Amino acid sequence: MRAILGPRLEFLLDEDDGHVRQAMTPATPSTPAQHDRYQRMLQAATAMLASGGEDALQMKELADRAVVSLATLYRYFPSKDHLLLAISQSRYENALRRVSAEAPRGATVQERVTGHLLREFRAEQRDQRLTAALTRVLTDTRPEYAPVIIQTQQLHLRVLEHVAMAGGGPVDDELRRRLRIVTDVFGAATGRWLAGVSSAAEARFEIRVGCYLLREKDRGKDKEAAR
């Protein structure tokens, strides 16, 4: 995607089809029909990424698969990166709904969070091409992406908070800070695995080590229960 500057407007030249489009803010679906089209686009894009990676994600083909016009696709996703960000956010929204509907596994905060993150990493391994694309965009430093990246990070944190507290009880500031560090460790372990710097086994080890930070919270609860 390349920017073309005119006298007052910025345009985008899409390298998939050569069409020039005016840059725009992604639209938000509001009606049931719009939500349906939006979800079809996300699902089709996810399947394309999982099978062929970013190179396989061609916007014209995506519009055909999702049964929408190219104009509709670009209205919601002005670029591939906007699409990847939307997929990332949607996946954590779905994850939050799932953990809210089930009982977390494990007897302690550390066990529950460790188990959840190891399952999340196994899911990333199954769809490595998709994981690589989403990891790249979530580590992008462009200011215009920051709001969605922050929302996605907050969703991930909410998922872990729910898992940590087994679906009940407040999350104090100290636990929230520890969970943020744990998510950073998880992201770094995933990044090193994707880059080929470490193996999947090493990434799992790093995730477990990061979750040791939650042991102190479990010990603190044990002390309070013993009083």
C-alpha atoms as a PDB file:
ATOM      1  CA  MET A   1       0.000   0.000   0.000  1.00  0.00           C
ATOM      2  CA  ARG A   2       1.577   3.339  -1.050  1.00  0.00           C
ATOM      3  CA  ALA A   3       0.502   6.869  -0.214  1.00  0.00           C
ATOM      4  CA  ILE A   4      -0.077   9.366  -3.031  1.00  0.00           C
ATOM      5  CA  LEU A   5      -0.269  12.982  -1.939  1.00  0.00           C
ATOM      6  CA  GLY A   6      -2.521  15.376  -3.769  1.00  0.00           C
ATOM      7  CA  PRO A   7      -3.033  19.117  -3.089  1.00  0.00           C
ATOM      8  CA  ARG A   8      -5.261  18.476  -0.057  1.00  0.00           C
ATOM      9  CA  LEU A   9      -6.126  14.787   0.115  1.00  0.00           C
ATOM     10  CA  GLU A  10      -4.098  11.700   0.764  1.00  0.00           C
ATOM     11  CA  PHE A  11      -4.899   8.694  -1.387  1.00  0.00           C
ATOM     12  CA  LEU A  12      -3.879   5.067  -1.164  1.00  0.00           C
ATOM     13  CA  LEU A  13      -2.741   2.988  -4.118  1.00  0.00           C
ATOM     14  CA  ASP A  14      -3.663  -0.611  -3.431  1.00  0.00           C
ATOM     15  CA  GLU A  15      -0.978  -2.897  -4.832  1.00  0.00           C
ATOM     16  CA  ASP A  16      -3.428  -5.801  -5.173  1.00  0.00           C
ATOM     17  CA  ASP A  17      -5.588  -4.183  -7.822  1.00  0.00           C
ATOM     18  CA  GLY A  18      -3.928  -0.864  -8.737  1.00  0.00           C
ATOM     19  CA  HIS A  19      -7.004   1.150  -7.729  1.00  0.00           C
ATOM     20  CA  VAL A  20      -6.567   4.555  -6.145  1.00  0.00           C
ATOM     21  CA  ARG A  21      -8.744   5.150  -3.093  1.00  0.00           C
ATOM     22  CA  GLN A  22      -9.126   8.031  -0.706  1.00  0.00           C
ATOM     23  CA  ALA A  23      -7.716   7.269   2.740  1.00  0.00           C
ATOM     24  CA  MET A  24     -10.441   6.866   5.339  1.00  0.00           C
ATOM     25  CA  THR A  25     -11.212   5.794   8.869  1.00  0.00           C
ATOM     26  CA  PRO A  26     -12.569   2.231   9.064  1.00  0.00           C
ATOM     27  CA  ALA A  27     -16.364   2.102   9.227  1.00  0.00           C
ATOM     28  CA  THR A  28     -18.099   0.376  12.141  1.00  0.00           C
ATOM     29  CA  PRO A  29     -21.001  -2.022  11.473  1.00  0.00           C
ATOM     30  CA  SER A  30     -24.256  -0.994  13.119  1.00  0.00           C
ATOM     31  CA  THR A  31     -27.104  -3.028  11.595  1.00  0.00           C
ATOM     32  CA  PRO A  32     -27.521  -6.835  11.732  1.00  0.00           C
ATOM     33  CA  ALA A  33     -26.831  -7.081   7.997  1.00  0.00           C
ATOM     34  CA  GLN A  34     -23.648  -5.035   8.370  1.00  0.00           C
ATOM     35  CA  HIS A  35     -22.496  -7.191  11.300  1.00  0.00           C
ATOM     36  CA  ASP A  36     -23.116 -10.292   9.199  1.00  0.00           C
ATOM     37  CA  ARG A  37     -21.032  -8.949   6.303  1.00  0.00           C
ATOM     38  CA  TYR A  38     -18.329  -7.816   8.730  1.00  0.00           C
ATOM     39  CA  GLN A  39     -18.068 -11.275  10.302  1.00  0.00           C
ATOM     40  CA  ARG A  40     -17.986 -12.957   6.874  1.00  0.00           C
ATOM     41  CA  MET A  41     -15.046 -10.768   5.885  1.00  0.00           C
ATOM     42  CA  LEU A  42     -13.176 -11.535   9.116  1.00  0.00           C
ATOM     43  CA  GLN A  43     -13.813 -15.276   8.818  1.00  0.00           C
ATOM     44  CA  ALA A  44     -12.775 -15.440   5.176  1.00  0.00           C
ATOM     45  CA  ALA A  45      -9.637 -13.383   5.851  1.00  0.00           C
ATOM     46  CA  THR A  46      -8.700 -15.595   8.807  1.00  0.00           C
ATOM     47  CA  ALA A  47      -8.997 -18.712   6.637  1.00  0.00           C
ATOM     48  CA  MET A  48      -6.842 -17.161   3.909  1.00  0.00           C
ATOM     49  CA  LEU A  49      -4.167 -16.123   6.405  1.00  0.00           C
ATOM     50  CA  ALA A  50      -4.131 -19.523   8.074  1.00  0.00           C
ATOM     51  CA  SER A  51      -3.652 -21.336   4.767  1.00  0.00           C
ATOM     52  CA  GLY A  52      -1.214 -19.027   3.023  1.00  0.00           C
ATOM     53  CA  GLY A  53      -0.081 -16.192   5.274  1.00  0.00           C
ATOM     54  CA  GLU A  54      -0.140 -12.512   4.416  1.00  0.00           C
ATOM     55  CA  ASP A  55       0.910 -13.087   0.809  1.00  0.00           C
ATOM     56  CA  ALA A  56      -2.260 -15.113   0.253  1.00  0.00           C
ATOM     57  CA  LEU A  57      -4.496 -12.349   1.584  1.00  0.00           C
ATOM     58  CA  GLN A  58      -5.537 -10.552  -1.601  1.00  0.00           C
ATOM     59  CA  MET A  59      -8.328  -8.031  -1.153  1.00  0.00           C
ATOM     60  CA  LYS A  60     -10.145  -8.793  -4.408  1.00  0.00           C
ATOM     61  CA  GLU A  61     -10.221 -12.509  -3.641  1.00  0.00           C
ATOM     62  CA  LEU A  62     -11.319 -11.783  -0.070  1.00  0.00           C
ATOM     63  CA  ALA A  63     -14.248  -9.703  -1.317  1.00  0.00           C
ATOM     64  CA  ASP A  64     -15.302 -12.581  -3.579  1.00  0.00           C
ATOM     65  CA  ARG A  65     -15.034 -15.153  -0.785  1.00  0.00           C
ATOM     66  CA  ALA A  66     -16.991 -12.990   1.647  1.00  0.00           C
ATOM     67  CA  VAL A  67     -19.588 -12.170  -1.036  1.00  0.00           C
ATOM     68  CA  VAL A  68     -19.200  -8.407  -0.658  1.00  0.00           C
ATOM     69  CA  SER A  69     -18.159  -5.663  -3.041  1.00  0.00           C
ATOM     70  CA  LEU A  70     -14.581  -4.422  -3.011  1.00  0.00           C
ATOM     71  CA  ALA A  71     -15.914  -1.007  -2.015  1.00  0.00           C
ATOM     72  CA  THR A  72     -17.625  -2.519   1.022  1.00  0.00           C
ATOM     73  CA  LEU A  73     -14.444  -4.345   2.006  1.00  0.00           C
ATOM     74  CA  TYR A  74     -12.367  -1.164   1.816  1.00  0.00           C
ATOM     75  CA  ARG A  75     -14.990   0.824   3.715  1.00  0.00           C
ATOM     76  CA  TYR A  76     -14.462  -1.395   6.755  1.00  0.00           C
ATOM     77  CA  PHE A  77     -10.791  -2.196   6.156  1.00  0.00           C
ATOM     78  CA  PRO A  78      -8.900   0.557   4.279  1.00  0.00           C
ATOM     79  CA  SER A  79      -5.762  -1.611   4.325  1.00  0.00           C
ATOM     80  CA  LYS A  80      -4.633  -5.134   5.125  1.00  0.00           C
ATOM     81  CA  ASP A  81      -3.268  -3.935   8.443  1.00  0.00           C
ATOM     82  CA  HIS A  82      -6.687  -2.609   9.443  1.00  0.00           C
ATOM     83  CA  LEU A  83      -8.053  -6.049   8.624  1.00  0.00           C
ATOM     84  CA  LEU A  84      -5.383  -7.805  10.699  1.00  0.00           C
ATOM     85  CA  LEU A  85      -6.037  -5.515  13.645  1.00  0.00           C
ATOM     86  CA  ALA A  86      -9.764  -6.233  13.442  1.00  0.00           C
ATOM     87  CA  ILE A  87      -9.094  -9.988  13.372  1.00  0.00           C
ATOM     88  CA  SER A  88      -6.862  -9.698  16.452  1.00  0.00           C
ATOM     89  CA  GLN A  89      -9.452  -7.724  18.376  1.00  0.00           C
ATOM     90  CA  SER A  90     -12.238 -10.086  17.346  1.00  0.00           C
ATOM     91  CA  ARG A  91     -10.280 -13.151  18.460  1.00  0.00           C
ATOM     92  CA  TYR A  92      -9.774 -11.781  21.980  1.00  0.00           C
ATOM     93  CA  GLU A  93     -13.413 -10.714  22.168  1.00  0.00           C
ATOM     94  CA  ASN A  94     -14.345 -14.295  21.350  1.00  0.00           C
ATOM     95  CA  ALA A  95     -11.808 -15.582  23.884  1.00  0.00           C
ATOM     96  CA  LEU A  96     -13.349 -13.410  26.600  1.00  0.00           C
ATOM     97  CA  ARG A  97     -16.794 -14.790  25.816  1.00  0.00           C
ATOM     98  CA  ARG A  98     -15.464 -18.350  25.963  1.00  0.00           C
ATOM     99  CA  VAL A  99     -13.686 -18.038  29.313  1.00  0.00           C
ATOM    100  CA  SER A 100     -16.696 -16.221  30.767  1.00  0.00           C
ATOM    101  CA  ALA A 101     -18.860 -19.232  29.935  1.00  0.00           C
ATOM    102  CA  GLU A 102     -16.617 -21.927  31.393  1.00  0.00           C
ATOM    103  CA  ALA A 103     -14.952 -22.780  34.680  1.00  0.00           C
ATOM    104  CA  PRO A 104     -11.180 -22.076  34.513  1.00  0.00           C
ATOM    105  CA  ARG A 105      -8.964 -25.112  35.144  1.00  0.00           C
ATOM    106  CA  GLY A 106      -6.481 -25.187  38.009  1.00  0.00           C
ATOM    107  CA  ALA A 107      -6.438 -24.761  41.780  1.00  0.00           C
ATOM    108  CA  THR A 108      -4.305 -21.588  41.923  1.00  0.00           C
ATOM    109  CA  VAL A 109      -3.881 -18.330  40.013  1.00  0.00           C
ATOM    110  CA  GLN A 110      -0.548 -19.537  38.650  1.00  0.00           C
ATOM    111  CA  GLU A 111      -1.932 -22.881  37.489  1.00  0.00           C
ATOM    112  CA  ARG A 112      -4.963 -21.333  35.814  1.00  0.00           C
ATOM    113  CA  VAL A 113      -3.069 -18.613  33.959  1.00  0.00           C
ATOM    114  CA  THR A 114      -0.201 -20.926  32.979  1.00  0.00           C
ATOM    115  CA  GLY A 115      -2.621 -23.504  31.615  1.00  0.00           C
ATOM    116  CA  HIS A 116      -4.568 -20.898  29.672  1.00  0.00           C
ATOM    117  CA  LEU A 117      -1.468 -19.340  28.084  1.00  0.00           C
ATOM    118  CA  LEU A 118      -0.022 -22.728  27.137  1.00  0.00           C
ATOM    119  CA  ARG A 119      -3.320 -23.577  25.410  1.00  0.00           C
ATOM    120  CA  GLU A 120      -3.201 -20.212  23.675  1.00  0.00           C
ATOM    121  CA  PHE A 121       0.334 -20.916  22.491  1.00  0.00           C
ATOM    122  CA  ARG A 122      -0.701 -24.333  21.159  1.00  0.00           C
ATOM    123  CA  ALA A 123      -3.422 -22.586  19.156  1.00  0.00           C
ATOM    124  CA  GLU A 124      -0.781 -20.192  17.787  1.00  0.00           C
ATOM    125  CA  GLN A 125       1.349 -23.162  16.754  1.00  0.00           C
ATOM    126  CA  ARG A 126      -1.522 -24.718  14.839  1.00  0.00           C
ATOM    127  CA  ASP A 127      -1.917 -21.541  12.752  1.00  0.00           C
ATOM    128  CA  GLN A 128       1.641 -20.257  12.573  1.00  0.00           C
ATOM    129  CA  ARG A 129       1.082 -18.143   9.456  1.00  0.00           C
ATOM    130  CA  LEU A 130      -1.919 -16.449  11.021  1.00  0.00           C
ATOM    131  CA  THR A 131       0.015 -15.948  14.272  1.00  0.00           C
ATOM    132  CA  ALA A 132       2.913 -14.346  12.395  1.00  0.00           C
ATOM    133  CA  ALA A 133       0.628 -11.877  10.621  1.00  0.00           C
ATOM    134  CA  LEU A 134      -1.244 -10.875  13.768  1.00  0.00           C
ATOM    135  CA  THR A 135       1.952 -10.596  15.832  1.00  0.00           C
ATOM    136  CA  ARG A 136       3.497  -8.307  13.248  1.00  0.00           C
ATOM    137  CA  VAL A 137       0.604  -5.870  13.214  1.00  0.00           C
ATOM    138  CA  LEU A 138       0.202  -5.880  17.009  1.00  0.00           C
ATOM    139  CA  THR A 139       3.836  -4.800  17.384  1.00  0.00           C
ATOM    140  CA  ASP A 140       3.526  -2.031  14.789  1.00  0.00           C
ATOM    141  CA  THR A 141       4.395   1.383  16.235  1.00  0.00           C
ATOM    142  CA  ARG A 142       2.349   3.592  13.904  1.00  0.00           C
ATOM    143  CA  PRO A 143       0.265   6.012  16.011  1.00  0.00           C
ATOM    144  CA  GLU A 144      -2.914   5.427  14.000  1.00  0.00           C
ATOM    145  CA  TYR A 145      -2.866   1.751  15.016  1.00  0.00           C
ATOM    146  CA  ALA A 146      -2.342   2.431  18.711  1.00  0.00           C
ATOM    147  CA  PRO A 147      -6.036   2.665  19.770  1.00  0.00           C
ATOM    148  CA  VAL A 148      -6.911  -0.785  18.396  1.00  0.00           C
ATOM    149  CA  ILE A 149      -3.668  -2.331  19.679  1.00  0.00           C
ATOM    150  CA  ILE A 150      -4.361  -0.952  23.165  1.00  0.00           C
ATOM    151  CA  GLN A 151      -7.945  -2.253  23.061  1.00  0.00           C
ATOM    152  CA  THR A 152      -6.689  -5.692  22.021  1.00  0.00           C
ATOM    153  CA  GLN A 153      -4.099  -5.741  24.813  1.00  0.00           C
ATOM    154  CA  GLN A 154      -6.779  -4.753  27.320  1.00  0.00           C
ATOM    155  CA  LEU A 155      -9.012  -7.567  26.074  1.00  0.00           C
ATOM    156  CA  HIS A 156      -6.182 -10.070  26.529  1.00  0.00           C
ATOM    157  CA  LEU A 157      -5.630  -8.766  30.050  1.00  0.00           C
ATOM    158  CA  ARG A 158      -9.345  -9.106  30.832  1.00  0.00           C
ATOM    159  CA  VAL A 159      -9.250 -12.710  29.646  1.00  0.00           C
ATOM    160  CA  LEU A 160      -6.347 -13.475  31.985  1.00  0.00           C
ATOM    161  CA  GLU A 161      -7.988 -11.607  34.878  1.00  0.00           C
ATOM    162  CA  HIS A 162     -11.097 -13.739  34.507  1.00  0.00           C
ATOM    163  CA  VAL A 163      -9.012 -16.917  34.340  1.00  0.00           C
ATOM    164  CA  ALA A 164      -6.854 -15.848  37.307  1.00  0.00           C
ATOM    165  CA  MET A 165      -9.841 -15.184  39.555  1.00  0.00           C
ATOM    166  CA  ALA A 166     -11.743 -18.276  38.364  1.00  0.00           C
ATOM    167  CA  GLY A 167     -14.565 -16.070  37.171  1.00  0.00           C
ATOM    168  CA  GLY A 168     -15.200 -14.382  40.519  1.00  0.00           C
ATOM    169  CA  GLY A 169     -13.777 -11.801  42.885  1.00  0.00           C
ATOM    170  CA  PRO A 170     -12.089  -8.456  42.233  1.00  0.00           C
ATOM    171  CA  VAL A 171      -8.670  -8.111  40.646  1.00  0.00           C
ATOM    172  CA  ASP A 172      -6.384  -5.895  42.698  1.00  0.00           C
ATOM    173  CA  ASP A 173      -3.815  -3.526  41.204  1.00  0.00           C
ATOM    174  CA  GLU A 174      -0.850  -5.704  42.107  1.00  0.00           C
ATOM    175  CA  LEU A 175      -2.262  -8.772  40.353  1.00  0.00           C
ATOM    176  CA  ARG A 176      -3.141  -6.668  37.328  1.00  0.00           C
ATOM    177  CA  ARG A 177       0.440  -5.387  37.140  1.00  0.00           C
ATOM    178  CA  ARG A 178       1.803  -8.923  37.413  1.00  0.00           C
ATOM    179  CA  LEU A 179      -0.540 -10.127  34.689  1.00  0.00           C
ATOM    180  CA  ARG A 180       0.653  -7.330  32.391  1.00  0.00           C
ATOM    181  CA  ILE A 181       4.221  -8.543  32.858  1.00  0.00           C
ATOM    182  CA  VAL A 182       3.111 -12.113  32.180  1.00  0.00           C
ATOM    183  CA  THR A 183       1.463 -11.054  28.911  1.00  0.00           C
ATOM    184  CA  ASP A 184       4.692  -9.271  27.937  1.00  0.00           C
ATOM    185  CA  VAL A 185       6.647 -12.478  28.581  1.00  0.00           C
ATOM    186  CA  PHE A 186       4.094 -14.439  26.557  1.00  0.00           C
ATOM    187  CA  GLY A 187       4.370 -12.012  23.636  1.00  0.00           C
ATOM    188  CA  ALA A 188       8.179 -12.058  23.734  1.00  0.00           C
ATOM    189  CA  ALA A 189       8.256 -15.872  23.843  1.00  0.00           C
ATOM    190  CA  THR A 190       5.891 -16.047  20.876  1.00  0.00           C
ATOM    191  CA  GLY A 191       7.979 -13.507  18.957  1.00  0.00           C
ATOM    192  CA  ARG A 192      11.214 -15.413  19.503  1.00  0.00           C
ATOM    193  CA  TRP A 193       9.554 -18.655  18.423  1.00  0.00           C
ATOM    194  CA  LEU A 194       8.202 -17.032  15.247  1.00  0.00           C
ATOM    195  CA  ALA A 195      11.627 -15.590  14.461  1.00  0.00           C
ATOM    196  CA  GLY A 196      13.231 -19.018  14.831  1.00  0.00           C
ATOM    197  CA  VAL A 197      15.398 -17.812  17.711  1.00  0.00           C
ATOM    198  CA  SER A 198      13.888 -20.356  20.092  1.00  0.00           C
ATOM    199  CA  SER A 199      12.009 -23.625  19.758  1.00  0.00           C
ATOM    200  CA  ALA A 200       8.409 -24.214  20.739  1.00  0.00           C
ATOM    201  CA  ALA A 201       9.632 -26.108  23.816  1.00  0.00           C
ATOM    202  CA  GLU A 202      11.762 -23.132  24.829  1.00  0.00           C
ATOM    203  CA  ALA A 203       8.805 -20.795  24.314  1.00  0.00           C
ATOM    204  CA  ARG A 204       6.642 -22.966  26.580  1.00  0.00           C
ATOM    205  CA  PHE A 205       9.409 -22.921  29.199  1.00  0.00           C
ATOM    206  CA  GLU A 206       9.578 -19.116  29.042  1.00  0.00           C
ATOM    207  CA  ILE A 207       5.796 -18.876  29.450  1.00  0.00           C
ATOM    208  CA  ARG A 208       5.915 -21.120  32.539  1.00  0.00           C
ATOM    209  CA  VAL A 209       8.789 -19.103  34.013  1.00  0.00           C
ATOM    210  CA  GLY A 210       6.897 -15.855  33.423  1.00  0.00           C
ATOM    211  CA  CYS A 211       3.893 -17.258  35.265  1.00  0.00           C
ATOM    212  CA  TYR A 212       6.048 -17.936  38.345  1.00  0.00           C
ATOM    213  CA  LEU A 213       5.496 -14.246  39.051  1.00  0.00           C
ATOM    214  CA  LEU A 214       1.957 -15.204  40.072  1.00  0.00           C
ATOM    215  CA  ARG A 215       3.135 -17.568  42.837  1.00  0.00           C
ATOM    216  CA  GLU A 216       3.492 -14.705  45.299  1.00  0.00           C
ATOM    217  CA  LYS A 217      -0.182 -13.852  44.843  1.00  0.00           C
ATOM    218  CA  ASP A 218      -1.122 -17.453  45.632  1.00  0.00           C
ATOM    219  CA  ARG A 219       1.125 -17.461  48.717  1.00  0.00           C
ATOM    220  CA  GLY A 220      -0.423 -14.209  49.867  1.00  0.00           C
ATOM    221  CA  LYS A 221      -3.893 -15.741  49.644  1.00  0.00           C
ATOM    222  CA  ASP A 222      -2.722 -18.821  51.564  1.00  0.00           C
ATOM    223  CA  LYS A 223      -1.390 -16.604  54.366  1.00  0.00           C
ATOM    224  CA  GLU A 224      -4.649 -14.684  54.549  1.00  0.00           C
ATOM    225  CA  ALA A 225      -6.637 -17.936  54.683  1.00  0.00           C
ATOM    226  CA  ALA A 226      -4.426 -19.224  57.518  1.00  0.00           C
ATOM    227  CA  ARG A 227      -5.094 -16.200  59.725  1.00  0.00           C
END
